[in-house]
C-alpha atoms as a PDB file:
ATOM      1  CA  MET A   1      42.664  38.717 -19.640  1.00  0.00           C
ATOM      2  CA  PRO A   2      40.647  38.663 -16.408  1.00  0.00           C
ATOM      3  CA  ILE A   3      38.514  35.615 -15.371  1.00  0.00           C
ATOM      4  CA  ILE A   4      34.799  36.327 -14.791  1.00  0.00           C
ATOM      5  CA  ARG A   5      32.952  33.988 -12.404  1.00  0.00           C
ATOM      6  CA  ALA A   6      29.249  34.198 -11.490  1.00  0.00           C
ATOM      7  CA  VAL A   7      28.215  33.077  -7.996  1.00  0.00           C
ATOM      8  CA  ASP A   8      24.516  33.334  -7.040  1.00  0.00           C
ATOM      9  CA  GLY A   9      24.031  36.061  -9.589  1.00  0.00           C
ATOM     10  CA  ILE A  10      27.010  38.086  -8.345  1.00  0.00           C
ATOM     11  CA  VAL A  11      29.824  38.523 -10.831  1.00  0.00           C
ATOM     12  CA  GLU A  12      33.355  38.309  -9.455  1.00  0.00           C
ATOM     13  CA  MET A  13      36.369  39.306 -11.512  1.00  0.00           C
ATOM     14  CA  HIS A  14      39.797  37.822 -10.866  1.00  0.00           C
ATOM     15  CA  PRO A  15      42.883  39.035 -12.724  1.00  0.00           C
ATOM     16  CA  THR A  16      44.958  36.326 -14.336  1.00  0.00           C
ATOM     17  CA  LEU A  17      48.342  35.600 -12.868  1.00  0.00           C
ATOM     18  CA  PRO A  18      51.457  35.415 -15.018  1.00  0.00           C
ATOM     19  CA  VAL A  19      52.226  31.830 -15.975  1.00  0.00           C
ATOM     20  CA  SER A  20      55.810  30.624 -16.126  1.00  0.00           C
ATOM     21  CA  PRO A  21      56.706  28.371 -19.029  1.00  0.00           C
ATOM     22  CA  ARG A  22      56.718  24.654 -18.144  1.00  0.00           C
ATOM     23  CA  PRO A  23      59.963  22.753 -18.441  1.00  0.00           C
ATOM     24  CA  PRO A  24      59.954  20.013 -21.080  1.00  0.00           C
ATOM     25  CA  ALA A  25      58.619  16.644 -19.849  1.00  0.00           C
ATOM     26  CA  THR A  26      61.136  13.858 -19.264  1.00  0.00           C
ATOM     27  CA  GLN A  27      60.799  10.062 -19.457  1.00  0.00           C
ATOM     28  CA  ALA A  28      60.812   9.962 -15.653  1.00  0.00           C
ATOM     29  CA  ASP A  29      57.816  12.315 -15.591  1.00  0.00           C
ATOM     30  CA  ALA A  30      55.974  10.085 -18.063  1.00  0.00           C
ATOM     31  CA  ASP A  31      56.741   6.997 -15.944  1.00  0.00           C
ATOM     32  CA  ARG A  32      55.438   8.731 -12.805  1.00  0.00           C
ATOM     33  CA  ARG A  33      52.218   9.708 -14.599  1.00  0.00           C
ATOM     34  CA  ASP A  34      51.747   6.131 -15.798  1.00  0.00           C
ATOM     35  CA  ARG A  35      52.282   4.778 -12.278  1.00  0.00           C
ATOM     36  CA  SER A  36      49.852   7.346 -10.885  1.00  0.00           C
ATOM     37  CA  LYS A  37      47.178   6.393 -13.411  1.00  0.00           C
ATOM     38  CA  GLU A  38      47.699   2.697 -12.668  1.00  0.00           C
ATOM     39  CA  GLN A  39      47.307   3.342  -8.927  1.00  0.00           C
ATOM     40  CA  GLU A  40      44.128   5.329  -9.548  1.00  0.00           C
ATOM     41  CA  ARG A  41      42.755   2.503 -11.677  1.00  0.00           C
ATOM     42  CA  GLN A  42      43.554  -0.095  -9.011  1.00  0.00           C
ATOM     43  CA  THR A  43      42.000   2.075  -6.315  1.00  0.00           C
ATOM     44  CA  ALA A  44      38.839   2.525  -8.409  1.00  0.00           C
ATOM     45  CA  ASP A  45      38.636  -1.217  -9.088  1.00  0.00           C
ATOM     46  CA  HIS A  46      39.037  -1.992  -5.386  1.00  0.00           C
ATOM     47  CA  ALA A  47      36.316   0.508  -4.441  1.00  0.00           C
ATOM     48  CA  ALA A  48      33.988  -0.978  -7.055  1.00  0.00           C
ATOM     49  CA  ARG A  49      34.572  -4.497  -5.667  1.00  0.00           C
ATOM     50  CA  LEU A  50      33.842  -3.326  -2.124  1.00  0.00           C
ATOM     51  CA  ALA A  51      30.650  -1.598  -3.249  1.00  0.00           C
ATOM     52  CA  GLN A  52      29.520  -4.740  -5.079  1.00  0.00           C
ATOM     53  CA  GLN A  53      30.216  -6.905  -2.017  1.00  0.00           C
ATOM     54  CA  ALA A  54      28.294  -4.505   0.241  1.00  0.00           C
ATOM     55  CA  TYR A  55      25.353  -4.530  -2.178  1.00  0.00           C
ATOM     56  CA  GLN A  56      25.257  -8.315  -2.285  1.00  0.00           C
ATOM     57  CA  GLN A  57      25.370  -8.510   1.523  1.00  0.00           C
ATOM     58  CA  GLN A  58      22.524  -6.015   1.758  1.00  0.00           C
ATOM     59  CA  ILE A  59      20.405  -8.098  -0.620  1.00  0.00           C
ATOM     60  CA  GLN A  60      21.122 -11.275   1.354  1.00  0.00           C
ATOM     61  CA  GLN A  61      20.353  -9.666   4.706  1.00  0.00           C
ATOM     62  CA  ALA A  62      17.201  -7.815   3.595  1.00  0.00           C
ATOM     63  CA  PRO A  63      13.996  -9.605   4.693  1.00  0.00           C
ATOM     64  CA  ALA A  64      11.993 -11.090   1.863  1.00  0.00           C
ATOM     65  CA  LEU A  65       8.861  -9.116   1.030  1.00  0.00           C
ATOM     66  CA  SER A  66       5.665 -10.964   1.814  1.00  0.00           C
ATOM     67  CA  PRO A  67       3.040 -11.277  -0.924  1.00  0.00           C
ATOM     68  CA  ALA A  68       0.529  -8.450  -1.109  1.00  0.00           C
ATOM     69  CA  LEU A  69      -2.683  -9.018   0.841  1.00  0.00           C
ATOM     70  CA  LEU A  70      -5.582 -10.131  -1.364  1.00  0.00           C
ATOM     71  CA  ALA A  71      -9.356  -9.963  -1.062  1.00  0.00           C
ATOM     72  CA  GLN A  72      -9.565 -13.695  -0.396  1.00  0.00           C
ATOM     73  CA  ASP A  73      -7.366 -13.219   2.679  1.00  0.00           C
ATOM     74  CA  LEU A  74      -9.848 -10.895   4.448  1.00  0.00           C
ATOM     75  CA  MET A  75     -13.270 -11.379   2.877  1.00  0.00           C
ATOM     76  CA  THR A  76     -16.215 -12.789   4.807  1.00  0.00           C
ATOM     77  CA  SER A  77     -17.313 -16.058   3.231  1.00  0.00           C
ATOM     78  CA  PRO A  78     -19.804 -17.554   2.577  1.00  0.00           C
ATOM     79  CA  VAL A  79     -21.776 -14.422   1.833  1.00  0.00           C
ATOM     80  CA  THR A  80     -25.357 -13.861   2.973  1.00  0.00           C
ATOM     81  CA  TRP A  81     -27.669 -12.627   0.220  1.00  0.00           C
ATOM     82  CA  LEU A  82     -31.349 -12.213  -0.649  1.00  0.00           C
ATOM     83  CA  PRO A  83     -33.358 -12.485  -3.866  1.00  0.00           C
ATOM     84  CA  SER A  84     -34.564  -9.253  -5.441  1.00  0.00           C
ATOM     85  CA  ASP A  85     -38.216  -9.984  -4.629  1.00  0.00           C
ATOM     86  CA  SER A  86     -37.487  -9.988  -0.871  1.00  0.00           C
ATOM     87  CA  THR A  87     -39.029  -7.206   1.219  1.00  0.00           C
ATOM     88  CA  LEU A  88     -37.330  -4.486   3.222  1.00  0.00           C
ATOM     89  CA  LEU A  89     -38.590  -6.130   6.394  1.00  0.00           C
ATOM     90  CA  GLU A  90     -36.948  -9.427   5.427  1.00  0.00           C
ATOM     91  CA  ALA A  91     -33.658  -7.664   4.731  1.00  0.00           C
ATOM     92  CA  TRP A  92     -33.842  -5.663   7.968  1.00  0.00           C
ATOM     93  CA  SER A  93     -34.572  -8.775  10.042  1.00  0.00           C
ATOM     94  CA  LEU A  94     -31.790 -10.773   8.387  1.00  0.00           C
ATOM     95  CA  MET A  95     -29.239  -7.997   8.917  1.00  0.00           C
ATOM     96  CA  LYS A  96     -30.135  -7.744  12.608  1.00  0.00           C
ATOM     97  CA  HIS A  97     -30.026 -11.516  13.055  1.00  0.00           C
ATOM     98  CA  LYS A  98     -26.674 -11.926  11.292  1.00  0.00           C
ATOM     99  CA  GLY A  99     -25.142  -8.706  12.603  1.00  0.00           C
ATOM    100  CA  ILE A 100     -24.227  -7.568   9.083  1.00  0.00           C
ATOM    101  CA  GLN A 101     -24.482  -4.244   7.273  1.00  0.00           C
ATOM    102  CA  HIS A 102     -24.486  -5.286   3.592  1.00  0.00           C
ATOM    103  CA  LEU A 103     -26.566  -7.698   1.514  1.00  0.00           C
ATOM    104  CA  PRO A 104     -25.979  -8.638  -2.118  1.00  0.00           C
ATOM    105  CA  VAL A 105     -29.241  -8.860  -4.052  1.00  0.00           C
ATOM    106  CA  MET A 106     -29.596 -11.707  -6.550  1.00  0.00           C
ATOM    107  CA  SER A 107     -31.897 -12.156  -9.523  1.00  0.00           C
ATOM    108  CA  VAL A 108     -34.073 -15.218 -10.025  1.00  0.00           C
ATOM    109  CA  HIS A 109     -31.336 -16.471 -12.370  1.00  0.00           C
ATOM    110  CA  GLY A 110     -28.686 -16.291  -9.677  1.00  0.00           C
ATOM    111  CA  THR A 111     -26.851 -13.213 -10.922  1.00  0.00           C
ATOM    112  CA  LEU A 112     -25.897 -10.207  -8.822  1.00  0.00           C
ATOM    113  CA  VAL A 113     -28.232  -7.292  -9.545  1.00  0.00           C
ATOM    114  CA  GLY A 114     -27.711  -4.950  -6.615  1.00  0.00           C
ATOM    115  CA  MET A 115     -26.498  -4.209  -3.096  1.00  0.00           C
ATOM    116  CA  VAL A 116     -28.471  -3.161  -0.030  1.00  0.00           C
ATOM    117  CA  SER A 117     -26.857  -1.691   3.062  1.00  0.00           C
ATOM    118  CA  SER A 118     -28.217  -0.772   6.468  1.00  0.00           C
ATOM    119  CA  HIS A 119     -27.807   2.842   5.365  1.00  0.00           C
ATOM    120  CA  ASP A 120     -30.318   2.219   2.541  1.00  0.00           C
ATOM    121  CA  LEU A 121     -32.842   0.897   5.055  1.00  0.00           C
ATOM    122  CA  LEU A 122     -32.259   3.609   7.647  1.00  0.00           C
ATOM    123  CA  PRO A 123     -35.048   5.940   6.352  1.00  0.00           C
ATOM    124  CA  TYR A 124     -37.533   3.103   6.972  1.00  0.00           C
ATOM    125  CA  ALA A 125     -36.135   2.031  10.340  1.00  0.00           C
ATOM    126  CA  HIS A 126     -39.054   3.348  12.393  1.00  0.00           C
ATOM    127  CA  GLU A 127     -41.625   1.423  10.352  1.00  0.00           C
ATOM    128  CA  LEU A 128     -39.429  -1.682  10.193  1.00  0.00           C
ATOM    129  CA  GLU A 129     -38.976  -1.713  13.972  1.00  0.00           C
ATOM    130  CA  SER A 130     -42.704  -1.290  14.658  1.00  0.00           C
ATOM    131  CA  VAL A 131     -44.668  -4.487  15.246  1.00  0.00           C
ATOM    132  CA  ASN A 132     -47.455  -4.942  12.687  1.00  0.00           C
ATOM    133  CA  SER A 133     -46.605  -1.616  11.076  1.00  0.00           C
ATOM    134  CA  PRO A 134     -49.321  -0.524   8.622  1.00  0.00           C
ATOM    135  CA  GLU A 135     -46.810   1.470   6.568  1.00  0.00           C
ATOM    136  CA  PRO A 136     -46.568   0.203   2.979  1.00  0.00           C
ATOM    137  CA  SER A 137     -42.777   0.674   3.017  1.00  0.00           C
ATOM    138  CA  VAL A 138     -42.454  -2.465   5.112  1.00  0.00           C
ATOM    139  CA  GLY A 139     -43.567  -4.502   2.125  1.00  0.00           C
ATOM    140  CA  TYR A 140     -41.399  -2.699  -0.426  1.00  0.00           C
ATOM    141  CA  LYS A 141     -39.200  -4.985  -2.501  1.00  0.00           C
ATOM    142  CA  LEU A 142     -35.412  -4.666  -2.321  1.00  0.00           C
ATOM    143  CA  ALA A 143     -35.380  -3.414  -5.900  1.00  0.00           C
ATOM    144  CA  HIS A 144     -37.030  -0.251  -4.520  1.00  0.00           C
ATOM    145  CA  VAL A 145     -33.994   0.747  -2.431  1.00  0.00           C
ATOM    146  CA  MET A 146     -31.032  -1.293  -3.640  1.00  0.00           C
ATOM    147  CA  SER A 147     -28.071   0.207  -5.445  1.00  0.00           C
ATOM    148  CA  SER A 148     -27.839  -1.259  -8.934  1.00  0.00           C
ATOM    149  CA  ARG A 149     -24.405   0.294  -9.550  1.00  0.00           C
ATOM    150  CA  ILE A 150     -22.222  -2.453  -8.139  1.00  0.00           C
ATOM    151  CA  LEU A 151     -18.513  -2.198  -7.455  1.00  0.00           C
ATOM    152  CA  SER A 152     -17.076  -5.702  -7.218  1.00  0.00           C
ATOM    153  CA  ALA A 153     -13.704  -7.423  -7.043  1.00  0.00           C
ATOM    154  CA  THR A 154     -12.202 -10.856  -7.558  1.00  0.00           C
ATOM    155  CA  PRO A 155     -10.627 -13.022  -4.844  1.00  0.00           C
ATOM    156  CA  THR A 156      -7.144 -12.116  -6.102  1.00  0.00           C
ATOM    157  CA  THR A 157      -7.673  -8.346  -6.188  1.00  0.00           C
ATOM    158  CA  GLU A 158      -5.190  -6.624  -3.871  1.00  0.00           C
ATOM    159  CA  ILE A 159      -6.585  -5.110  -0.694  1.00  0.00           C
ATOM    160  CA  ARG A 160      -4.931  -1.769  -1.343  1.00  0.00           C
ATOM    161  CA  GLU A 161      -6.708  -1.464  -4.688  1.00  0.00           C
ATOM    162  CA  ILE A 162     -10.078  -2.283  -3.107  1.00  0.00           C
ATOM    163  CA  ALA A 163      -9.484   0.176  -0.259  1.00  0.00           C
ATOM    164  CA  HIS A 164      -8.632   2.870  -2.804  1.00  0.00           C
ATOM    165  CA  ILE A 165     -11.906   2.275  -4.679  1.00  0.00           C
ATOM    166  CA  MET A 166     -13.888   2.288  -1.432  1.00  0.00           C
ATOM    167  CA  LEU A 167     -12.388   5.625  -0.512  1.00  0.00           C
ATOM    168  CA  GLU A 168     -12.889   7.182  -3.945  1.00  0.00           C
ATOM    169  CA  GLU A 169     -16.449   5.917  -4.427  1.00  0.00           C
ATOM    170  CA  HIS A 170     -17.598   6.314  -0.791  1.00  0.00           C
ATOM    171  CA  VAL A 171     -18.707   2.699  -0.369  1.00  0.00           C
ATOM    172  CA  SER A 172     -18.183   0.530   2.678  1.00  0.00           C
ATOM    173  CA  GLY A 173     -18.750  -2.922   1.211  1.00  0.00           C
ATOM    174  CA  VAL A 174     -17.602  -4.688  -1.969  1.00  0.00           C
ATOM    175  CA  PRO A 175     -18.841  -8.128  -3.072  1.00  0.00           C
ATOM    176  CA  ILE A 176     -16.178 -10.599  -4.155  1.00  0.00           C
ATOM    177  CA  LEU A 177     -17.223 -12.508  -7.263  1.00  0.00           C
ATOM    178  CA  ASP A 178     -15.990 -15.724  -8.831  1.00  0.00           C
ATOM    179  CA  SER A 179     -15.393 -16.245 -12.558  1.00  0.00           C
ATOM    180  CA  SER A 180     -19.157 -16.773 -13.040  1.00  0.00           C
ATOM    181  CA  ARG A 181     -19.921 -13.411 -11.407  1.00  0.00           C
ATOM    182  CA  HIS A 182     -21.462 -15.164  -8.414  1.00  0.00           C
ATOM    183  CA  PRO A 183     -20.736 -13.657  -4.979  1.00  0.00           C
ATOM    184  CA  ILE A 184     -18.471 -15.900  -2.923  1.00  0.00           C
ATOM    185  CA  GLY A 185     -17.644 -13.349  -0.258  1.00  0.00           C
ATOM    186  CA  ILE A 186     -17.861  -9.742   0.781  1.00  0.00           C
ATOM    187  CA  LEU A 187     -15.199  -7.302   1.927  1.00  0.00           C
ATOM    188  CA  THR A 188     -16.105  -4.345   4.119  1.00  0.00           C
ATOM    189  CA  THR A 189     -14.243  -1.488   5.748  1.00  0.00           C
ATOM    190  CA  SER A 190     -14.741  -3.314   9.052  1.00  0.00           C
ATOM    191  CA  ASP A 191     -12.864  -6.339   7.679  1.00  0.00           C
ATOM    192  CA  ILE A 192      -9.924  -4.151   6.655  1.00  0.00           C
ATOM    193  CA  LEU A 193      -9.823  -2.287   9.977  1.00  0.00           C
ATOM    194  CA  ARG A 194     -10.058  -5.556  11.902  1.00  0.00           C
ATOM    195  CA  ALA A 195      -7.099  -6.935   9.949  1.00  0.00           C
ATOM    196  CA  ILE A 196      -5.054  -3.810  10.660  1.00  0.00           C
ATOM    197  CA  VAL A 197      -5.714  -4.231  14.383  1.00  0.00           C
ATOM    198  CA  HIS A 198      -5.195  -7.991  14.671  1.00  0.00           C
ATOM    199  CA  GLN A 199      -2.627  -8.717  11.938  1.00  0.00           C
ATOM    200  CA  SER A 200      -0.175  -5.891  12.605  1.00  0.00           C
ATOM    201  CA  PRO A 201       2.192  -5.174  10.985  1.00  0.00           C
ATOM    202  CA  LEU A 202      -0.023  -5.404   7.923  1.00  0.00           C
ATOM    203  CA  ASP A 203       1.472  -5.076   4.437  1.00  0.00           C
ATOM    204  CA  LEU A 204      -0.998  -3.333   2.131  1.00  0.00           C
ATOM    205  CA  ARG A 205       1.553  -2.613  -0.595  1.00  0.00           C
ATOM    206  CA  THR A 206       0.931  -3.151  -4.282  1.00  0.00           C
END
């Protein structure tokens, strides 16, 4: 009967050719087949040994991966902070003096209760820059403008994970807390960019 073969949806038909009867197998034929199989087995074993040797050499020659970069490697420490009863003017003056953009806000009990950034103070910049400004906003407490939703990390959190959260949550600074939830440092987008520039090539892998 004809052979039907499909190639890319096109059916091709090939008529079968007459097949001559095979002569009966001899002992010599069996010996040749055995020798052929043994040669194939030896060739396969040799190829497997070569592949294993090449793999081992590749492992030995490959450079060892460096540990992933952690928050403690880049964070700014010690961290500058203010108590929650501080005024906007005090925060503004401290940020200008220190050249920083983020301030953790602490409660009277020493726990982190919020974050204030220069962006939070920007709407009051005109009053804060004016000498003896009569505007009441100058005396506002930090609790009036601070963000109480705090994204934090530990010293051993990987930089890539922190960068991912910064990007997803649209924040530019993350406080780094110890086991007692006390800020021991702060990591900002500027810290990460500075590391990329000065520590190249930088491994941010997980």
